[in-house]
Protein backbone atom coordinates (compact mmCIF):
# COMPACT_ATOMS: atom_id res chain seq x y z
CA MET A 1 0.43 0.14 -0.06
CA THR A 2 1.13 3.55 -0.87
CA GLY A 3 1.33 6.22 1.92
CA THR A 4 2.66 9.25 2.36
CA LEU A 5 5.79 10.18 4.54
CA ALA A 6 5.54 13.07 7.01
CA PRO A 7 7.61 15.48 6.47
CA THR A 8 10.63 14.57 8.69
CA GLN A 9 12.88 15.22 5.17
CA PRO A 10 11.92 18.01 3.70
CA LEU A 11 12.51 18.70 -0.28
CA THR A 12 15.19 21.56 -0.76
CA ALA A 13 15.65 23.67 -3.93
CA ALA A 14 18.95 21.35 -4.36
CA ASP A 15 16.78 18.45 -4.87
CA ARG A 16 15.37 17.73 -9.26
CA CYS A 17 13.41 15.38 -11.18
CA ASP A 18 14.66 12.61 -11.97
CA ARG A 19 13.36 12.90 -15.78
CA CYS A 20 13.80 16.99 -16.38
CA GLY A 21 15.81 18.23 -13.86
CA ALA A 22 13.35 20.70 -12.66
CA GLN A 23 13.00 21.38 -8.88
CA ALA A 24 11.64 18.07 -7.09
CA TYR A 25 8.13 18.10 -4.97
CA VAL A 26 7.32 14.25 -4.69
CA ARG A 27 10.31 11.82 -3.28
CA VAL A 28 8.97 8.28 -3.82
CA LEU A 29 10.34 5.48 -1.87
CA LEU A 30 10.17 2.00 -4.39
CA ASN A 31 9.53 -1.18 -3.09
CA SER A 32 12.85 -2.20 -4.26
CA GLY A 33 14.86 0.37 -1.76
CA GLY A 34 15.42 2.78 -4.47
CA GLU A 35 14.22 6.30 -4.27
CA LEU A 36 13.23 8.69 -6.97
CA LEU A 37 12.42 12.90 -7.64
CA PHE A 38 10.39 13.87 -9.67
CA CYS A 39 8.18 17.40 -10.14
CA ALA A 40 4.77 17.93 -10.07
CA HIS A 41 4.07 17.91 -13.93
CA HIS A 42 6.10 14.26 -13.66
CA MET A 43 4.38 13.46 -11.19
CA ARG A 44 1.45 13.53 -12.25
CA GLU A 45 2.47 12.12 -15.99
CA HIS A 46 3.49 8.84 -14.44
CA ASP A 47 1.35 9.23 -11.17
CA ASP A 48 -0.75 5.42 -12.08
CA GLU A 49 2.69 3.94 -12.57
CA ILE A 50 4.77 5.30 -10.03
CA ARG A 51 2.63 3.98 -7.47
CA LYS A 52 2.45 0.40 -9.30
CA ILE A 53 6.14 0.62 -7.58
CA ALA A 54 5.99 2.71 -4.37
CA ALA A 55 6.62 2.09 -1.44
CA GLU A 56 6.40 5.61 -0.24
CA ILE A 57 5.52 8.54 -1.58
CA GLN A 58 6.24 12.19 -0.15
CA ASP A 59 4.50 15.17 -2.32
CA GLU A 60 5.12 18.48 -1.30
CA THR A 61 3.39 19.30 -4.15
CA SER A 62 0.73 21.86 -2.03
CA ARG A 63 3.94 24.07 -1.25
CA LEU A 64 3.27 25.10 -5.10
CA GLN A 65 0.52 27.19 -4.97
CA GLU A 66 1.90 29.29 -1.41
CA THR A 67 3.41 31.87 -3.40
CA PRO A 68 1.86 33.79 -5.99
CA ALA A 69 1.79 33.77 -8.99
CA THR A 70 2.33 37.91 -9.91
CA THR A 71 5.12 40.38 -9.95
CA PRO A 72 4.82 43.62 -8.40
CA ASP A 73 4.68 45.34 -12.34
CA GLU A 74 1.44 43.12 -12.32
CA GLU A 75 -0.10 43.96 -9.53
CA ARG A 76 -1.05 47.65 -10.54
């Protein structure tokens, strides 16, 4: 069964997606003992297949909603 990890080791800007190199927001611990990191896009793209091989999933994609996507110029 796939669960959610407690955020004892939060992902940082240094953690990069194994597919594209973007910032990772999801850590997948595999049943085989390995680990994969994914950006939100690639986790969504491969979600069904990843869940079949995952022991645990640490999903921090909610952090993407914390910062508004506007710049000071756009607020005028």
